[in-house]
N, C-alpha and C. Protein backbone atom coordinates (compact mmCIF):
# COMPACT_ATOMS: atom_id res chain seq x y z
N MET A 1 0.90 -1.02 -0.09
CA MET A 1 -0.17 0.01 -0.14
C MET A 1 0.88 1.37 0.11
N PRO A 2 0.70 2.01 -1.01
CA PRO A 2 1.54 3.54 -0.96
C PRO A 2 1.35 4.20 0.38
N VAL A 3 2.29 5.01 0.65
CA VAL A 3 2.29 5.96 1.64
C VAL A 3 1.71 7.15 1.38
N ASP A 4 0.91 7.79 2.09
CA ASP A 4 0.23 9.08 1.88
C ASP A 4 1.36 10.12 2.06
N LEU A 5 1.58 10.80 1.15
CA LEU A 5 2.69 11.82 1.24
C LEU A 5 2.12 13.22 1.29
N THR A 6 0.75 13.31 1.50
CA THR A 6 0.23 14.86 1.25
C THR A 6 0.62 15.61 2.33
N LYS A 7 1.06 15.05 3.46
CA LYS A 7 1.44 15.84 4.61
C LYS A 7 2.70 16.45 4.26
N LEU A 8 3.55 16.15 3.40
CA LEU A 8 4.82 16.72 3.02
C LEU A 8 4.62 18.17 2.38
N SER A 9 4.83 19.15 2.90
CA SER A 9 4.56 20.51 2.36
C SER A 9 5.78 21.27 1.94
N ASN A 10 7.01 20.64 2.07
CA ASN A 10 8.29 21.36 1.54
C ASN A 10 8.50 20.60 0.18
N PRO A 11 8.56 21.21 -0.93
CA PRO A 11 8.77 20.58 -2.13
C PRO A 11 10.11 19.57 -2.19
N LYS A 12 11.17 20.31 -1.71
CA LYS A 12 12.53 19.49 -1.80
C LYS A 12 12.54 18.30 -0.86
N VAL A 13 11.73 18.36 0.22
CA VAL A 13 11.59 17.33 1.04
C VAL A 13 10.65 16.20 0.66
N LYS A 14 9.72 16.71 -0.01
CA LYS A 14 8.65 15.60 -0.56
C LYS A 14 9.39 14.86 -1.93
N ALA A 15 10.17 15.76 -2.64
CA ALA A 15 10.97 14.94 -3.68
C ALA A 15 12.09 14.07 -2.98
N ALA A 16 12.76 14.34 -2.02
CA ALA A 16 13.63 13.46 -1.28
C ALA A 16 12.79 12.06 -0.81
N ILE A 17 11.64 12.37 -0.16
CA ILE A 17 10.97 11.21 0.48
C ILE A 17 10.45 10.36 -0.79
N MET A 18 9.79 11.02 -1.71
CA MET A 18 9.58 10.16 -2.89
C MET A 18 10.64 9.41 -3.46
N ALA A 19 11.77 10.05 -3.62
CA ALA A 19 13.08 9.20 -4.14
C ALA A 19 13.25 8.01 -3.33
N LEU A 20 13.21 8.32 -1.98
CA LEU A 20 13.53 7.25 -0.98
C LEU A 20 12.61 6.08 -1.09
N GLN A 21 11.36 6.38 -1.09
CA GLN A 21 10.31 5.42 -1.28
C GLN A 21 10.56 4.48 -2.42
N LYS A 22 11.09 5.16 -3.40
CA LYS A 22 11.19 4.42 -4.99
C LYS A 22 12.49 3.66 -4.74
N GLY A 23 13.44 4.04 -3.94
CA GLY A 23 14.72 3.57 -3.98
C GLY A 23 15.50 4.07 -5.32
N ASP A 24 15.13 5.33 -5.50
CA ASP A 24 15.66 6.01 -6.94
C ASP A 24 16.99 6.83 -6.52
N GLU A 25 18.07 6.41 -6.71
CA GLU A 25 19.36 7.09 -6.41
C GLU A 25 19.46 8.18 -7.57
N LYS A 26 19.02 8.06 -8.77
CA LYS A 26 19.26 9.16 -9.83
C LYS A 26 18.48 10.32 -9.38
N ILE A 27 17.41 10.24 -8.61
CA ILE A 27 16.63 11.42 -7.99
C ILE A 27 17.31 11.78 -6.76
N TRP A 28 17.39 10.82 -5.97
CA TRP A 28 17.82 11.10 -4.50
C TRP A 28 19.18 11.86 -4.39
N PHE A 29 20.27 11.50 -4.85
CA PHE A 29 21.57 11.99 -4.69
C PHE A 29 21.62 13.57 -5.11
N PRO A 30 21.14 13.93 -6.57
CA PRO A 30 21.35 15.23 -6.91
C PRO A 30 20.52 16.22 -6.08
N LEU A 31 19.50 15.79 -5.10
CA LEU A 31 18.89 16.77 -4.26
C LEU A 31 19.64 17.30 -3.19
N PHE A 32 20.83 16.83 -2.91
CA PHE A 32 21.72 16.93 -1.88
C PHE A 32 22.88 17.73 -2.13
N ALA A 33 23.35 18.73 -1.29
CA ALA A 33 24.51 19.57 -1.59
C ALA A 33 25.67 18.43 -1.62
N PRO A 34 26.97 18.85 -2.35
CA PRO A 34 27.98 17.91 -2.35
C PRO A 34 28.74 17.52 -0.81
N GLU A 35 28.64 18.42 -0.06
CA GLU A 35 29.23 18.62 1.25
C GLU A 35 28.16 18.27 2.38
N VAL A 36 27.29 17.45 1.95
CA VAL A 36 25.77 17.22 2.95
C VAL A 36 26.39 16.59 4.25
N ALA A 37 26.03 17.22 5.40
CA ALA A 37 26.23 16.63 6.83
C ALA A 37 25.14 15.73 6.86
N PHE A 38 25.54 14.40 7.43
CA PHE A 38 24.67 13.62 7.67
C PHE A 38 24.78 12.81 8.94
N TYR A 39 23.93 12.48 9.76
CA TYR A 39 23.71 11.89 11.10
C TYR A 39 22.73 10.90 11.15
N ASP A 40 23.17 9.86 11.72
CA ASP A 40 22.20 8.69 11.93
C ASP A 40 22.37 8.26 13.51
N ASP A 41 21.18 8.76 14.24
CA ASP A 41 21.18 8.56 15.65
C ASP A 41 22.28 9.37 16.27
N GLY A 42 22.60 10.50 15.81
CA GLY A 42 23.63 11.58 16.33
C GLY A 42 24.96 10.91 15.87
N ASN A 43 25.38 10.08 15.25
CA ASN A 43 26.43 9.93 14.84
C ASN A 43 26.80 10.40 13.34
N GLN A 44 27.64 11.05 13.22
CA GLN A 44 28.08 11.56 11.76
C GLN A 44 28.58 10.38 10.88
N MET A 45 27.86 10.16 9.84
CA MET A 45 28.06 9.14 8.72
C MET A 45 28.54 9.66 7.42
N LYS A 46 28.78 8.78 6.51
CA LYS A 46 29.26 9.12 5.17
C LYS A 46 27.96 8.92 4.48
N PHE A 47 27.45 9.98 4.01
CA PHE A 47 26.16 10.09 3.28
C PHE A 47 26.12 9.18 2.02
N ASN A 48 27.16 9.39 1.28
CA ASN A 48 26.87 8.33 -0.07
C ASN A 48 26.96 6.95 0.20
N ASN A 49 27.98 6.59 1.25
CA ASN A 49 28.00 5.10 1.60
C ASN A 49 26.69 4.50 2.09
N PHE A 50 26.23 5.50 3.06
CA PHE A 50 24.83 4.91 3.87
C PHE A 50 23.82 4.68 2.78
N PHE A 51 23.62 5.72 2.04
CA PHE A 51 22.38 5.62 1.01
C PHE A 51 22.68 4.85 0.02
N LYS A 52 23.86 4.47 -0.67
CA LYS A 52 24.04 3.51 -1.63
C LYS A 52 23.59 2.13 -0.99
N LYS A 53 23.75 1.95 0.21
CA LYS A 53 23.10 0.78 0.68
C LYS A 53 21.76 0.65 1.11
N ALA A 54 21.16 1.89 1.65
CA ALA A 54 19.98 1.82 2.15
C ALA A 54 18.93 2.16 1.19
N LEU A 55 19.01 2.86 0.12
CA LEU A 55 18.00 3.18 -0.97
C LEU A 55 17.62 1.63 -1.49
N GLY A 56 16.41 1.56 -1.58
CA GLY A 56 15.74 0.25 -2.06
C GLY A 56 15.53 -0.72 -0.82
N HIS A 57 16.01 -0.43 0.25
CA HIS A 57 16.01 -1.32 1.30
C HIS A 57 15.16 -0.54 2.55
N GLU A 58 15.06 0.57 2.49
CA GLU A 58 14.64 1.49 3.59
C GLU A 58 13.48 2.52 3.08
N ARG A 59 12.47 2.41 3.97
CA ARG A 59 11.36 3.32 3.47
C ARG A 59 10.37 3.65 4.65
N PHE A 60 9.60 4.66 4.50
CA PHE A 60 8.61 4.79 5.47
C PHE A 60 7.27 4.08 5.04
N THR A 61 6.68 3.52 6.12
CA THR A 61 5.45 2.81 5.88
C THR A 61 4.20 3.73 6.14
N ARG A 62 4.59 4.76 6.92
CA ARG A 62 3.48 5.80 7.13
C ARG A 62 4.17 7.10 7.64
N ILE A 63 3.59 8.19 7.21
CA ILE A 63 3.91 9.54 7.70
C ILE A 63 3.06 9.85 8.81
N ASP A 64 3.45 10.21 9.87
CA ASP A 64 2.42 10.67 11.03
C ASP A 64 2.26 12.03 11.32
N LYS A 65 3.60 12.84 11.17
CA LYS A 65 3.45 14.19 11.30
C LYS A 65 4.50 14.95 10.57
N VAL A 66 4.48 16.35 10.40
CA VAL A 66 5.36 17.06 9.71
C VAL A 66 5.52 18.40 10.52
N GLU A 67 6.89 18.69 10.70
CA GLU A 67 7.05 19.97 11.61
C GLU A 67 8.01 20.90 11.14
N ASN A 68 8.37 21.86 11.69
CA ASN A 68 9.22 22.82 11.25
C ASN A 68 9.33 23.25 9.72
N ASN A 69 8.00 23.80 9.34
CA ASN A 69 8.03 24.27 8.12
C ASN A 69 8.35 23.13 6.82
N GLY A 70 7.89 21.92 7.25
CA GLY A 70 7.99 20.96 6.41
C GLY A 70 9.43 20.06 6.27
N LEU A 71 10.22 20.70 7.23
CA LEU A 71 11.64 19.88 7.21
C LEU A 71 11.57 18.82 8.26
N HIS A 72 10.99 18.59 9.05
CA HIS A 72 11.00 17.47 9.95
C HIS A 72 9.75 16.57 9.43
N VAL A 73 10.17 15.13 9.45
CA VAL A 73 9.26 14.12 8.87
C VAL A 73 9.23 13.06 10.03
N TYR A 74 8.24 12.70 10.63
CA TYR A 74 8.15 11.70 11.70
C TYR A 74 7.27 10.45 11.13
N GLY A 75 7.59 9.38 11.30
CA GLY A 75 6.53 8.37 10.87
C GLY A 75 7.23 6.95 11.09
N HIS A 76 6.45 5.97 10.68
CA HIS A 76 6.79 4.61 10.89
C HIS A 76 7.71 4.10 9.79
N PHE A 77 8.49 3.31 9.86
CA PHE A 77 9.80 3.22 9.02
C PHE A 77 10.10 1.64 8.83
N HIS A 78 10.49 1.30 7.60
CA HIS A 78 10.89 -0.01 7.60
C HIS A 78 12.43 -0.22 7.11
N SER A 79 13.12 -0.97 7.66
CA SER A 79 14.60 -1.23 7.14
C SER A 79 14.61 -2.73 6.89
N ASP A 80 15.13 -3.19 5.78
CA ASP A 80 15.25 -4.64 5.61
C ASP A 80 16.42 -5.17 6.57
N GLN A 81 17.16 -4.28 7.03
CA GLN A 81 18.06 -4.86 8.01
C GLN A 81 17.89 -4.77 9.45
N TRP A 82 17.08 -3.46 9.79
CA TRP A 82 17.05 -3.22 11.10
C TRP A 82 15.46 -3.48 11.53
N GLY A 83 14.63 -3.90 10.64
CA GLY A 83 13.23 -4.05 11.16
C GLY A 83 12.28 -2.67 11.06
N ASP A 84 11.22 -2.60 11.82
CA ASP A 84 10.12 -1.66 11.83
C ASP A 84 10.35 -0.91 13.01
N PHE A 85 10.24 0.65 12.88
CA PHE A 85 10.22 1.30 14.13
C PHE A 85 9.91 2.73 13.71
N THR A 86 9.78 3.71 14.66
CA THR A 86 9.28 5.00 14.51
C THR A 86 10.65 5.83 14.35
N THR A 87 10.66 6.77 13.28
CA THR A 87 11.79 7.66 12.86
C THR A 87 11.34 9.01 12.63
N CYS A 88 12.50 9.90 12.78
CA CYS A 88 12.29 11.24 12.24
C CYS A 88 13.51 11.51 11.12
N PHE A 89 13.20 12.40 10.25
CA PHE A 89 14.06 12.89 9.30
C PHE A 89 14.10 14.25 9.30
N LYS A 90 15.18 14.80 9.62
CA LYS A 90 15.34 16.26 9.94
C LYS A 90 16.28 16.80 8.71
N PHE A 91 15.88 17.76 7.91
CA PHE A 91 16.23 18.29 6.62
C PHE A 91 16.64 19.62 7.11
N GLU A 92 17.77 20.17 6.32
CA GLU A 92 18.06 21.54 6.45
C GLU A 92 18.38 21.72 4.97
N ILE A 93 17.81 22.86 4.39
CA ILE A 93 18.36 23.31 3.03
C ILE A 93 19.02 24.48 2.81
N ASN A 94 19.88 24.48 1.98
CA ASN A 94 20.62 25.76 1.89
C ASN A 94 20.20 26.92 0.94
N LYS A 95 20.98 27.82 0.81
CA LYS A 95 20.42 29.07 0.00
C LYS A 95 20.48 28.60 -1.43
N GLU A 96 21.17 27.64 -1.74
CA GLU A 96 21.17 27.18 -3.39
C GLU A 96 19.84 26.25 -3.55
N GLY A 97 19.24 26.02 -2.37
CA GLY A 97 17.96 25.05 -2.74
C GLY A 97 18.37 23.71 -2.51
N LYS A 98 19.57 23.29 -2.11
CA LYS A 98 20.15 21.86 -1.99
C LYS A 98 19.90 21.55 -0.60
N ILE A 99 19.64 20.10 -0.29
CA ILE A 99 19.62 19.76 1.19
C ILE A 99 21.04 19.52 1.52
N SER A 100 21.30 20.44 2.65
CA SER A 100 22.76 20.60 3.26
C SER A 100 22.97 19.80 4.37
N SER A 101 21.89 19.44 5.06
CA SER A 101 21.81 18.32 6.11
C SER A 101 20.63 17.63 6.52
N LEU A 102 21.08 16.27 6.79
CA LEU A 102 20.17 15.39 7.04
C LEU A 102 20.33 14.45 8.51
N ALA A 103 19.54 14.59 9.35
CA ALA A 103 19.65 13.92 10.57
C ALA A 103 18.58 12.88 10.54
N ILE A 104 18.81 11.60 10.90
CA ILE A 104 17.79 10.59 10.85
C ILE A 104 17.90 9.86 12.22
N GLY A 105 16.79 9.37 12.71
CA GLY A 105 17.13 8.68 13.88
C GLY A 105 15.71 8.04 14.42
N GLN A 106 15.76 7.11 15.38
CA GLN A 106 14.63 6.66 16.00
C GLN A 106 13.92 7.59 16.73
N ALA A 107 12.54 7.78 16.64
CA ALA A 107 11.70 8.73 17.44
C ALA A 107 10.85 8.26 18.25
N VAL A 108 10.51 8.84 19.29
CA VAL A 108 9.47 8.54 20.33
C VAL A 108 8.55 9.78 20.32
N TYR A 109 7.36 9.77 19.96
CA TYR A 109 6.41 10.81 20.09
C TYR A 109 5.01 10.40 20.09
């Protein structure tokens, strides 16, 4: 069953989540700044390495809420490796319109 993405109000965030859902790296990677800062549960990680493995294997199963002008997305998530859990994706967008930072992690809400 497709995930309802209508709560996603920021066009750049919506494009990123849609690419994540499809596992589409041709759309996903160009949305991000070359020196994107990436954190997983507070640990700085290598963005490209992480998402080359995650795309196609990780996705939202439900979007529950969106905050901070559409930049923070909370929902239920599935990872082929880690199972099902609640998560938050926190995006920052630079003045060039690229995603300059992404912090993901398990969330309790």
